[in-house]
N, C-alpha and C. Protein backbone atom coordinates (compact mmCIF):
# COMPACT_ATOMS: atom_id res chain seq x y z
N MET A 1 -22.05 175.70 -122.51
CA MET A 1 -23.08 174.72 -122.34
C MET A 1 -24.28 175.39 -121.69
N ILE A 2 -25.43 174.92 -122.08
CA ILE A 2 -26.67 175.53 -121.64
C ILE A 2 -27.43 174.55 -120.77
N LYS A 3 -27.96 175.01 -119.67
CA LYS A 3 -28.80 174.17 -118.82
C LYS A 3 -30.06 173.80 -119.60
N ASN A 4 -30.40 172.52 -119.58
CA ASN A 4 -31.51 172.03 -120.37
C ASN A 4 -32.84 172.22 -119.66
N THR A 5 -33.83 172.75 -120.38
CA THR A 5 -35.19 172.86 -119.86
C THR A 5 -36.16 172.09 -120.74
N LYS A 6 -35.67 171.41 -121.75
CA LYS A 6 -36.50 170.69 -122.70
C LYS A 6 -36.39 169.19 -122.43
N LYS A 7 -37.49 168.47 -122.65
CA LYS A 7 -37.46 167.01 -122.50
C LYS A 7 -37.14 166.38 -123.84
N TYR A 8 -36.25 165.43 -123.82
CA TYR A 8 -35.84 164.72 -125.02
C TYR A 8 -36.35 163.29 -124.95
N ASP A 9 -36.85 162.81 -126.08
CA ASP A 9 -37.43 161.47 -126.15
C ASP A 9 -36.60 160.62 -127.10
N LYS A 10 -35.96 159.59 -126.55
CA LYS A 10 -35.11 158.74 -127.37
C LYS A 10 -35.91 157.85 -128.32
N SER A 11 -37.22 157.79 -128.16
CA SER A 11 -38.03 157.01 -129.10
C SER A 11 -38.60 157.89 -130.21
N SER A 12 -38.27 159.18 -130.21
CA SER A 12 -38.77 160.09 -131.24
C SER A 12 -37.95 159.99 -132.53
N GLU A 13 -38.51 160.51 -133.60
CA GLU A 13 -37.81 160.53 -134.89
C GLU A 13 -36.60 161.45 -134.86
N SER A 14 -36.56 162.38 -133.94
CA SER A 14 -35.44 163.32 -133.88
C SER A 14 -34.19 162.71 -133.23
N PHE A 15 -34.35 161.57 -132.54
CA PHE A 15 -33.22 160.92 -131.90
C PHE A 15 -32.30 160.32 -132.96
N LEU A 16 -31.01 160.63 -132.86
CA LEU A 16 -30.03 160.10 -133.81
C LEU A 16 -29.31 158.88 -133.25
N GLU A 17 -28.69 159.03 -132.08
CA GLU A 17 -27.99 157.90 -131.48
C GLU A 17 -27.43 158.28 -130.11
N THR A 18 -26.99 157.26 -129.39
CA THR A 18 -26.19 157.43 -128.19
C THR A 18 -24.75 157.21 -128.60
N SER A 19 -23.87 158.09 -128.14
CA SER A 19 -22.46 157.98 -128.52
C SER A 19 -21.58 158.49 -127.38
N VAL A 20 -20.28 158.57 -127.65
CA VAL A 20 -19.30 159.02 -126.66
C VAL A 20 -18.45 160.10 -127.31
N ASP A 21 -18.21 161.19 -126.58
CA ASP A 21 -17.38 162.26 -127.11
C ASP A 21 -15.89 161.95 -126.89
N PHE A 22 -15.02 162.86 -127.30
CA PHE A 22 -13.57 162.64 -127.20
C PHE A 22 -13.07 162.59 -125.76
N ALA A 23 -13.86 163.08 -124.82
CA ALA A 23 -13.48 163.01 -123.41
C ALA A 23 -14.10 161.78 -122.74
N ASN A 24 -14.66 160.90 -123.56
CA ASN A 24 -15.26 159.64 -123.11
C ASN A 24 -16.53 159.85 -122.28
N ASN A 25 -17.26 160.94 -122.55
CA ASN A 25 -18.55 161.21 -121.92
C ASN A 25 -19.66 160.73 -122.84
N THR A 26 -20.61 160.01 -122.31
CA THR A 26 -21.74 159.52 -123.10
C THR A 26 -22.75 160.64 -123.31
N TYR A 27 -23.30 160.71 -124.51
CA TYR A 27 -24.33 161.69 -124.82
C TYR A 27 -25.35 161.09 -125.77
N GLU A 28 -26.49 161.74 -125.88
CA GLU A 28 -27.52 161.41 -126.86
C GLU A 28 -27.58 162.57 -127.86
N ALA A 29 -27.69 162.24 -129.13
CA ALA A 29 -27.75 163.26 -130.18
C ALA A 29 -29.16 163.28 -130.78
N PHE A 30 -29.64 164.49 -131.03
CA PHE A 30 -30.95 164.70 -131.64
C PHE A 30 -30.81 165.72 -132.75
N LYS A 31 -31.59 165.53 -133.82
CA LYS A 31 -31.70 166.55 -134.88
C LYS A 31 -33.10 167.11 -134.77
N ILE A 32 -33.18 168.36 -134.35
CA ILE A 32 -34.46 169.02 -134.15
C ILE A 32 -34.47 170.26 -135.03
N ASP A 33 -35.40 170.25 -135.99
CA ASP A 33 -35.50 171.32 -136.98
C ASP A 33 -34.15 171.50 -137.66
N ASP A 34 -33.55 172.66 -137.53
CA ASP A 34 -32.27 172.93 -138.20
C ASP A 34 -31.10 172.93 -137.24
N GLU A 35 -31.23 172.19 -136.13
CA GLU A 35 -30.18 172.15 -135.11
C GLU A 35 -29.82 170.72 -134.73
N ILE A 36 -28.60 170.56 -134.26
CA ILE A 36 -28.16 169.33 -133.62
C ILE A 36 -28.10 169.62 -132.13
N HIS A 37 -28.72 168.77 -131.34
CA HIS A 37 -28.72 168.88 -129.88
C HIS A 37 -27.91 167.72 -129.33
N ILE A 38 -26.92 168.03 -128.52
CA ILE A 38 -26.12 167.01 -127.84
C ILE A 38 -26.52 167.09 -126.36
N VAL A 39 -27.06 165.98 -125.84
CA VAL A 39 -27.60 165.97 -124.49
C VAL A 39 -26.78 165.02 -123.62
N TYR A 40 -26.21 165.56 -122.57
CA TYR A 40 -25.44 164.78 -121.60
C TYR A 40 -26.30 164.49 -120.38
N ASN A 41 -26.10 163.34 -119.76
CA ASN A 41 -26.80 162.96 -118.52
C ASN A 41 -28.32 163.05 -118.68
N ILE A 42 -28.82 162.57 -119.79
CA ILE A 42 -30.24 162.68 -120.10
C ILE A 42 -31.08 162.05 -118.99
N GLY A 43 -32.13 162.78 -118.62
CA GLY A 43 -33.07 162.28 -117.62
C GLY A 43 -32.61 162.37 -116.18
N THR A 44 -31.53 163.09 -115.93
CA THR A 44 -31.03 163.24 -114.56
C THR A 44 -31.03 164.72 -114.18
N GLU A 45 -30.77 164.98 -112.90
CA GLU A 45 -30.66 166.38 -112.45
C GLU A 45 -29.48 167.09 -113.09
N LYS A 46 -28.48 166.34 -113.52
CA LYS A 46 -27.28 166.93 -114.13
C LYS A 46 -27.41 167.06 -115.65
N GLU A 47 -28.59 166.82 -116.19
CA GLU A 47 -28.78 166.89 -117.64
C GLU A 47 -28.46 168.30 -118.14
N TYR A 48 -27.69 168.36 -119.23
CA TYR A 48 -27.46 169.62 -119.92
C TYR A 48 -27.30 169.36 -121.41
N VAL A 49 -27.49 170.41 -122.17
CA VAL A 49 -27.53 170.26 -123.62
C VAL A 49 -26.71 171.36 -124.29
N THR A 50 -26.11 170.99 -125.41
CA THR A 50 -25.46 171.97 -126.27
C THR A 50 -26.14 171.87 -127.63
N THR A 51 -26.34 172.98 -128.28
CA THR A 51 -26.99 172.99 -129.58
C THR A 51 -26.20 173.85 -130.56
N LYS A 52 -26.27 173.46 -131.82
CA LYS A 52 -25.68 174.26 -132.89
C LYS A 52 -26.54 174.14 -134.13
N LYS A 53 -26.65 175.22 -134.85
CA LYS A 53 -27.35 175.21 -136.13
C LYS A 53 -26.53 174.40 -137.14
N ILE A 54 -27.21 173.57 -137.90
CA ILE A 54 -26.54 172.73 -138.89
C ILE A 54 -25.81 173.60 -139.92
N SER A 55 -26.42 174.68 -140.33
CA SER A 55 -25.78 175.56 -141.33
C SER A 55 -24.48 176.14 -140.80
N LYS A 56 -24.43 176.46 -139.52
CA LYS A 56 -23.19 177.00 -138.95
C LYS A 56 -22.10 175.94 -138.93
N ILE A 57 -22.47 174.71 -138.60
CA ILE A 57 -21.49 173.62 -138.59
C ILE A 57 -20.93 173.41 -139.99
N ILE A 58 -21.81 173.40 -140.98
CA ILE A 58 -21.39 173.19 -142.37
C ILE A 58 -20.49 174.33 -142.85
N ASN A 59 -20.85 175.55 -142.51
CA ASN A 59 -20.07 176.71 -142.97
C ASN A 59 -18.73 176.87 -142.27
N TYR A 60 -18.60 176.30 -141.07
CA TYR A 60 -17.36 176.44 -140.29
C TYR A 60 -16.89 175.08 -139.79
N MET A 61 -16.80 174.11 -140.68
CA MET A 61 -16.47 172.73 -140.30
C MET A 61 -15.17 172.62 -139.52
N ASP A 62 -14.17 173.40 -139.87
CA ASP A 62 -12.90 173.34 -139.14
C ASP A 62 -13.07 173.68 -137.67
N ASP A 63 -14.01 174.57 -137.35
CA ASP A 63 -14.26 174.96 -135.96
C ASP A 63 -14.91 173.83 -135.16
N TYR A 64 -15.55 172.90 -135.85
CA TYR A 64 -16.30 171.83 -135.18
C TYR A 64 -15.67 170.46 -135.37
N LEU A 65 -14.47 170.43 -135.93
CA LEU A 65 -13.82 169.17 -136.27
C LEU A 65 -13.69 168.22 -135.09
N TRP A 66 -13.38 168.72 -133.92
CA TRP A 66 -13.16 167.87 -132.74
C TRP A 66 -14.35 167.91 -131.78
N THR A 67 -15.54 168.12 -132.31
CA THR A 67 -16.75 168.12 -131.51
C THR A 67 -17.68 167.02 -131.98
N PRO A 68 -18.64 166.61 -131.16
CA PRO A 68 -19.60 165.60 -131.60
C PRO A 68 -20.46 166.06 -132.78
N TYR A 69 -20.63 167.36 -132.96
CA TYR A 69 -21.52 167.87 -134.01
C TYR A 69 -21.12 167.40 -135.41
N ILE A 70 -19.85 167.36 -135.67
CA ILE A 70 -19.36 167.07 -137.02
C ILE A 70 -19.85 165.71 -137.52
N LYS A 71 -20.10 164.82 -136.61
CA LYS A 71 -20.55 163.47 -136.95
C LYS A 71 -21.94 163.46 -137.58
N TYR A 72 -22.72 164.50 -137.37
CA TYR A 72 -24.14 164.49 -137.77
C TYR A 72 -24.46 165.42 -138.93
N VAL A 73 -23.45 165.95 -139.60
CA VAL A 73 -23.73 166.78 -140.79
C VAL A 73 -23.13 166.15 -142.03
């Protein structure tokens, strides 16, 4: 997981949805360019983000089967 330095706007076109992962943690999903960004604790000091290239998710779907990413490709 990467510490987030980018601001995410839930009213932007890149915002996909708010959802919950398999560990019951709430996150916001964004599609920015060729990546999916999963943002936890958005707008707080504990905010962090994970990102993956869409092409990598598609090429290695089995590796991402139990992650939030699979839902957005």
